[in-house]
């Protein structure tokens, strides 16, 4: 993870825990009910969500979104961190279709 207070210096730190694997991690912009939330794409098929009391630790992912349409069956992933809105957080998803 890259962290910066002002986009001048950057600090690199690793994420840890049994659910931290592959890529596609997307941290929510703020804590929710005192916990950190993160989207992940661990199996290239589902988008998962996990919560933790620690910023750099991920465990116990739950499926948030699974493929439902034919073009989603090859690969489904998140598009960065969810956007914060008045009604809650808005994640964006993407698919990769095979011709």
N, C-alpha and C. Protein backbone atom coordinates (compact mmCIF):
# COMPACT_ATOMS: atom_id res chain seq x y z
N UNK A 1 0.85 -1.15 0.00
CA UNK A 1 0.00 0.00 0.00
C UNK A 1 0.91 1.22 0.00
N UNK A 2 0.52 2.24 -0.77
CA UNK A 2 1.21 3.51 -0.75
C UNK A 2 0.40 4.49 0.09
N UNK A 3 1.07 5.18 0.99
CA UNK A 3 0.41 6.16 1.84
C UNK A 3 1.15 7.49 1.72
N UNK A 4 0.38 8.60 1.70
CA UNK A 4 0.97 9.92 1.63
C UNK A 4 0.04 10.96 2.24
N UNK A 5 0.58 11.92 2.95
CA UNK A 5 -0.27 12.98 3.49
C UNK A 5 -0.51 14.11 2.49
N UNK A 6 0.42 14.28 1.51
CA UNK A 6 0.33 15.44 0.63
C UNK A 6 0.81 15.17 -0.80
N UNK A 7 0.99 13.92 -1.17
CA UNK A 7 1.44 13.50 -2.50
C UNK A 7 2.86 13.95 -2.85
N UNK A 8 3.65 14.27 -1.85
CA UNK A 8 5.06 14.57 -2.09
C UNK A 8 5.90 13.35 -1.68
N UNK A 9 6.03 13.04 -0.38
CA UNK A 9 6.69 11.77 -0.04
C UNK A 9 5.64 10.66 0.00
N UNK A 10 6.09 9.44 -0.31
CA UNK A 10 5.22 8.27 -0.25
C UNK A 10 5.86 7.23 0.66
N UNK A 11 5.04 6.54 1.42
CA UNK A 11 5.52 5.44 2.26
C UNK A 11 4.88 4.15 1.77
N UNK A 12 5.70 3.15 1.53
CA UNK A 12 5.22 1.85 1.06
C UNK A 12 5.14 0.89 2.23
N UNK A 13 4.01 0.21 2.37
CA UNK A 13 3.86 -0.81 3.41
C UNK A 13 3.11 -2.00 2.82
N UNK A 14 3.35 -3.17 3.37
CA UNK A 14 2.69 -4.37 2.87
C UNK A 14 1.40 -4.62 3.63
N UNK A 15 0.50 -5.32 2.96
CA UNK A 15 -0.73 -5.78 3.61
C UNK A 15 -0.48 -7.22 4.04
N UNK A 16 -1.08 -7.63 5.15
CA UNK A 16 -0.85 -8.95 5.71
C UNK A 16 -2.16 -9.63 6.06
N UNK A 17 -2.09 -10.91 6.28
CA UNK A 17 -3.24 -11.68 6.72
C UNK A 17 -3.59 -12.77 5.73
N UNK A 18 -4.41 -13.72 6.16
CA UNK A 18 -4.74 -14.87 5.32
C UNK A 18 -5.54 -14.51 4.07
N UNK A 19 -6.19 -13.37 4.04
CA UNK A 19 -7.00 -13.01 2.88
C UNK A 19 -6.27 -12.06 1.93
N UNK A 20 -5.04 -11.74 2.22
CA UNK A 20 -4.26 -10.85 1.36
C UNK A 20 -3.48 -11.71 0.38
N UNK A 21 -3.96 -11.75 -0.84
CA UNK A 21 -3.30 -12.54 -1.88
C UNK A 21 -3.64 -11.94 -3.24
N UNK A 22 -2.85 -12.30 -4.23
CA UNK A 22 -3.06 -11.83 -5.60
C UNK A 22 -3.06 -10.30 -5.66
N UNK A 23 -4.04 -9.73 -6.30
CA UNK A 23 -4.11 -8.29 -6.45
C UNK A 23 -5.56 -7.85 -6.45
N UNK A 24 -5.77 -6.58 -6.72
CA UNK A 24 -7.13 -6.09 -6.80
C UNK A 24 -7.70 -5.64 -5.47
N UNK A 25 -6.85 -5.25 -4.54
CA UNK A 25 -7.34 -4.75 -3.25
C UNK A 25 -7.76 -3.29 -3.40
N UNK A 26 -8.88 -2.91 -2.80
CA UNK A 26 -9.37 -1.54 -2.87
C UNK A 26 -9.91 -1.15 -1.50
N UNK A 27 -9.20 -0.26 -0.84
CA UNK A 27 -9.56 0.19 0.50
C UNK A 27 -10.66 1.24 0.44
N UNK A 28 -11.65 1.14 1.30
CA UNK A 28 -12.68 2.17 1.40
C UNK A 28 -12.04 3.45 1.93
N UNK A 29 -12.54 4.63 1.53
CA UNK A 29 -11.87 5.88 1.89
C UNK A 29 -11.92 6.22 3.38
N UNK A 30 -12.86 5.68 4.11
CA UNK A 30 -12.98 5.96 5.56
C UNK A 30 -13.37 4.68 6.30
N UNK A 31 -13.13 4.69 7.60
CA UNK A 31 -13.62 3.59 8.44
C UNK A 31 -15.15 3.61 8.44
N UNK A 32 -15.73 2.44 8.60
CA UNK A 32 -17.17 2.30 8.73
C UNK A 32 -17.42 1.61 10.06
N UNK A 33 -18.16 2.26 10.93
CA UNK A 33 -18.41 1.74 12.28
C UNK A 33 -17.11 1.34 12.97
N UNK A 34 -16.07 2.14 12.79
CA UNK A 34 -14.80 1.91 13.47
C UNK A 34 -13.91 0.84 12.86
N UNK A 35 -14.29 0.30 11.70
CA UNK A 35 -13.50 -0.76 11.06
C UNK A 35 -13.08 -0.35 9.65
N UNK A 36 -11.95 -0.89 9.21
CA UNK A 36 -11.49 -0.69 7.84
C UNK A 36 -12.16 -1.73 6.95
N UNK A 37 -12.58 -1.33 5.77
CA UNK A 37 -13.18 -2.25 4.81
C UNK A 37 -12.38 -2.23 3.52
N UNK A 38 -12.30 -3.38 2.87
CA UNK A 38 -11.53 -3.51 1.65
C UNK A 38 -12.24 -4.47 0.70
N UNK A 39 -12.26 -4.09 -0.58
CA UNK A 39 -12.72 -5.00 -1.62
C UNK A 39 -11.52 -5.79 -2.12
N UNK A 40 -11.74 -7.00 -2.55
CA UNK A 40 -10.63 -7.79 -3.11
C UNK A 40 -11.13 -8.65 -4.26
N UNK A 41 -10.19 -9.03 -5.09
CA UNK A 41 -10.47 -9.88 -6.24
C UNK A 41 -9.48 -11.04 -6.15
N UNK A 42 -9.77 -11.98 -5.31
CA UNK A 42 -8.80 -13.04 -5.02
C UNK A 42 -8.82 -14.17 -6.04
N UNK A 43 -9.95 -14.39 -6.68
CA UNK A 43 -10.05 -15.56 -7.57
C UNK A 43 -10.35 -15.18 -9.02
N UNK A 44 -10.26 -13.89 -9.36
CA UNK A 44 -10.57 -13.39 -10.70
C UNK A 44 -12.02 -13.61 -11.10
N UNK A 45 -12.84 -14.10 -10.22
CA UNK A 45 -14.23 -14.39 -10.56
C UNK A 45 -15.21 -13.59 -9.73
N UNK A 46 -14.94 -13.43 -8.46
CA UNK A 46 -15.86 -12.76 -7.54
C UNK A 46 -15.20 -11.50 -6.98
N UNK A 47 -16.03 -10.55 -6.55
CA UNK A 47 -15.54 -9.42 -5.78
C UNK A 47 -15.92 -9.70 -4.34
N UNK A 48 -14.93 -9.67 -3.47
CA UNK A 48 -15.14 -9.98 -2.06
C UNK A 48 -14.97 -8.73 -1.21
N UNK A 49 -15.51 -8.75 -0.01
CA UNK A 49 -15.36 -7.65 0.93
C UNK A 49 -14.86 -8.21 2.25
N UNK A 50 -13.98 -7.48 2.90
CA UNK A 50 -13.50 -7.89 4.22
C UNK A 50 -13.40 -6.67 5.12
N UNK A 51 -13.52 -6.89 6.41
CA UNK A 51 -13.43 -5.84 7.41
C UNK A 51 -12.35 -6.21 8.41
N UNK A 52 -11.71 -5.18 8.95
CA UNK A 52 -10.64 -5.42 9.92
C UNK A 52 -10.51 -4.23 10.86
N UNK A 53 -10.06 -4.50 12.06
CA UNK A 53 -9.75 -3.42 13.00
C UNK A 53 -8.38 -2.83 12.72
N UNK A 54 -7.58 -3.51 11.90
CA UNK A 54 -6.23 -3.07 11.58
C UNK A 54 -6.14 -2.70 10.10
N UNK A 55 -5.53 -1.57 9.81
CA UNK A 55 -5.44 -1.07 8.44
C UNK A 55 -4.70 -2.01 7.50
N UNK A 56 -3.64 -2.63 7.94
CA UNK A 56 -2.78 -3.44 7.07
C UNK A 56 -3.05 -4.94 7.17
N UNK A 57 -4.22 -5.33 7.65
CA UNK A 57 -4.51 -6.76 7.85
C UNK A 57 -5.85 -7.10 7.21
N UNK A 58 -5.90 -8.20 6.47
CA UNK A 58 -7.15 -8.64 5.85
C UNK A 58 -7.44 -10.09 6.15
N UNK A 59 -8.66 -10.37 6.54
CA UNK A 59 -9.05 -11.75 6.85
C UNK A 59 -10.56 -11.90 6.63
N UNK A 60 -10.98 -13.13 6.50
CA UNK A 60 -12.39 -13.51 6.45
C UNK A 60 -13.19 -12.79 5.35
N UNK A 61 -12.77 -12.92 4.09
CA UNK A 61 -13.51 -12.26 3.01
C UNK A 61 -14.86 -12.93 2.76
N UNK A 62 -15.83 -12.12 2.38
CA UNK A 62 -17.17 -12.60 2.03
C UNK A 62 -17.48 -12.15 0.60
N UNK A 63 -18.16 -12.99 -0.15
CA UNK A 63 -18.52 -12.64 -1.53
C UNK A 63 -19.52 -11.49 -1.51
N UNK A 64 -19.18 -10.43 -2.24
CA UNK A 64 -20.05 -9.27 -2.38
C UNK A 64 -20.77 -9.30 -3.73
N UNK A 65 -20.04 -9.71 -4.78
CA UNK A 65 -20.59 -9.74 -6.13
C UNK A 65 -20.02 -10.92 -6.89
N UNK A 66 -20.89 -11.70 -7.51
CA UNK A 66 -20.49 -12.84 -8.33
C UNK A 66 -20.96 -12.61 -9.76
N UNK A 67 -20.33 -13.27 -10.72
CA UNK A 67 -20.76 -13.12 -12.12
C UNK A 67 -22.23 -13.51 -12.29
N UNK A 68 -22.96 -12.68 -13.05
CA UNK A 68 -24.37 -12.95 -13.28
C UNK A 68 -24.71 -12.96 -14.77
N UNK A 69 -23.90 -12.30 -15.57
CA UNK A 69 -24.14 -12.19 -17.01
C UNK A 69 -23.04 -12.92 -17.76
N UNK A 70 -23.30 -13.38 -18.96
CA UNK A 70 -22.29 -14.17 -19.69
C UNK A 70 -20.94 -13.49 -19.83
N UNK A 71 -20.90 -12.17 -20.04
CA UNK A 71 -19.62 -11.49 -20.23
C UNK A 71 -18.84 -11.34 -18.92
N UNK A 72 -19.44 -11.65 -17.79
CA UNK A 72 -18.76 -11.55 -16.50
C UNK A 72 -18.09 -12.85 -16.08
N UNK A 73 -18.36 -13.95 -16.77
CA UNK A 73 -17.88 -15.25 -16.31
C UNK A 73 -16.37 -15.46 -16.46
N UNK A 74 -15.72 -14.70 -17.32
CA UNK A 74 -14.27 -14.87 -17.49
C UNK A 74 -13.50 -14.17 -16.38
N UNK A 75 -13.81 -12.91 -16.13
CA UNK A 75 -13.10 -12.17 -15.08
C UNK A 75 -13.95 -11.00 -14.62
N UNK A 76 -14.06 -10.83 -13.31
CA UNK A 76 -14.81 -9.74 -12.70
C UNK A 76 -13.88 -9.09 -11.69
N UNK A 77 -13.81 -7.76 -11.69
CA UNK A 77 -12.91 -7.08 -10.76
C UNK A 77 -13.41 -5.72 -10.36
N UNK A 78 -12.79 -5.16 -9.33
CA UNK A 78 -13.16 -3.82 -8.90
C UNK A 78 -12.33 -2.79 -9.64
N UNK A 79 -12.79 -1.55 -9.63
CA UNK A 79 -12.09 -0.45 -10.31
C UNK A 79 -11.64 0.58 -9.28
N UNK A 80 -10.73 0.19 -8.45
CA UNK A 80 -10.23 1.12 -7.44
C UNK A 80 -11.12 1.21 -6.22
N UNK A 81 -10.78 2.11 -5.35
CA UNK A 81 -11.52 2.28 -4.10
C UNK A 81 -12.92 2.81 -4.37
N UNK A 82 -13.89 2.38 -3.56
CA UNK A 82 -15.25 2.89 -3.71
C UNK A 82 -15.29 4.40 -3.48
N UNK A 83 -16.17 5.07 -4.18
CA UNK A 83 -16.37 6.51 -4.01
C UNK A 83 -17.34 6.74 -2.87
N UNK A 84 -17.05 7.73 -2.06
CA UNK A 84 -17.93 8.05 -0.94
C UNK A 84 -19.02 9.00 -1.42
N UNK A 85 -20.28 8.69 -1.09
CA UNK A 85 -21.43 9.52 -1.47
C UNK A 85 -22.32 9.71 -0.25
N UNK A 86 -23.25 10.63 -0.34
CA UNK A 86 -24.16 10.88 0.79
C UNK A 86 -24.93 9.63 1.19
N UNK A 87 -25.28 8.80 0.23
CA UNK A 87 -26.06 7.59 0.49
C UNK A 87 -25.20 6.38 0.85
N UNK A 88 -23.88 6.54 0.90
CA UNK A 88 -23.00 5.42 1.22
C UNK A 88 -21.83 5.39 0.26
N UNK A 89 -21.20 4.24 0.14
CA UNK A 89 -20.05 4.08 -0.75
C UNK A 89 -20.49 3.42 -2.05
N UNK A 90 -19.93 3.88 -3.16
CA UNK A 90 -20.28 3.39 -4.49
C UNK A 90 -19.08 2.70 -5.13
N UNK A 91 -19.05 1.38 -5.09
CA UNK A 91 -17.95 0.68 -5.79
C UNK A 91 -18.26 0.58 -7.29
N UNK A 92 -17.21 0.51 -8.07
CA UNK A 92 -17.35 0.29 -9.51
C UNK A 92 -16.70 -1.05 -9.85
N UNK A 93 -17.32 -1.79 -10.76
CA UNK A 93 -16.81 -3.10 -11.15
C UNK A 93 -16.53 -3.11 -12.65
N UNK A 94 -15.68 -4.04 -13.07
CA UNK A 94 -15.37 -4.19 -14.48
C UNK A 94 -15.36 -5.68 -14.82
N UNK A 95 -15.49 -5.95 -16.10
CA UNK A 95 -15.42 -7.33 -16.57
C UNK A 95 -14.42 -7.42 -17.72
N UNK A 96 -13.96 -8.62 -17.97
CA UNK A 96 -13.12 -8.90 -19.13
C UNK A 96 -13.84 -9.98 -19.91
N UNK A 97 -14.21 -9.67 -21.13
CA UNK A 97 -14.93 -10.64 -21.95
C UNK A 97 -13.97 -11.32 -22.93
N UNK A 98 -14.24 -12.55 -23.22
CA UNK A 98 -13.44 -13.31 -24.19
C UNK A 98 -14.26 -13.36 -25.48
N UNK A 99 -13.67 -12.90 -26.59
CA UNK A 99 -14.43 -12.91 -27.86
C UNK A 99 -14.71 -14.33 -28.34
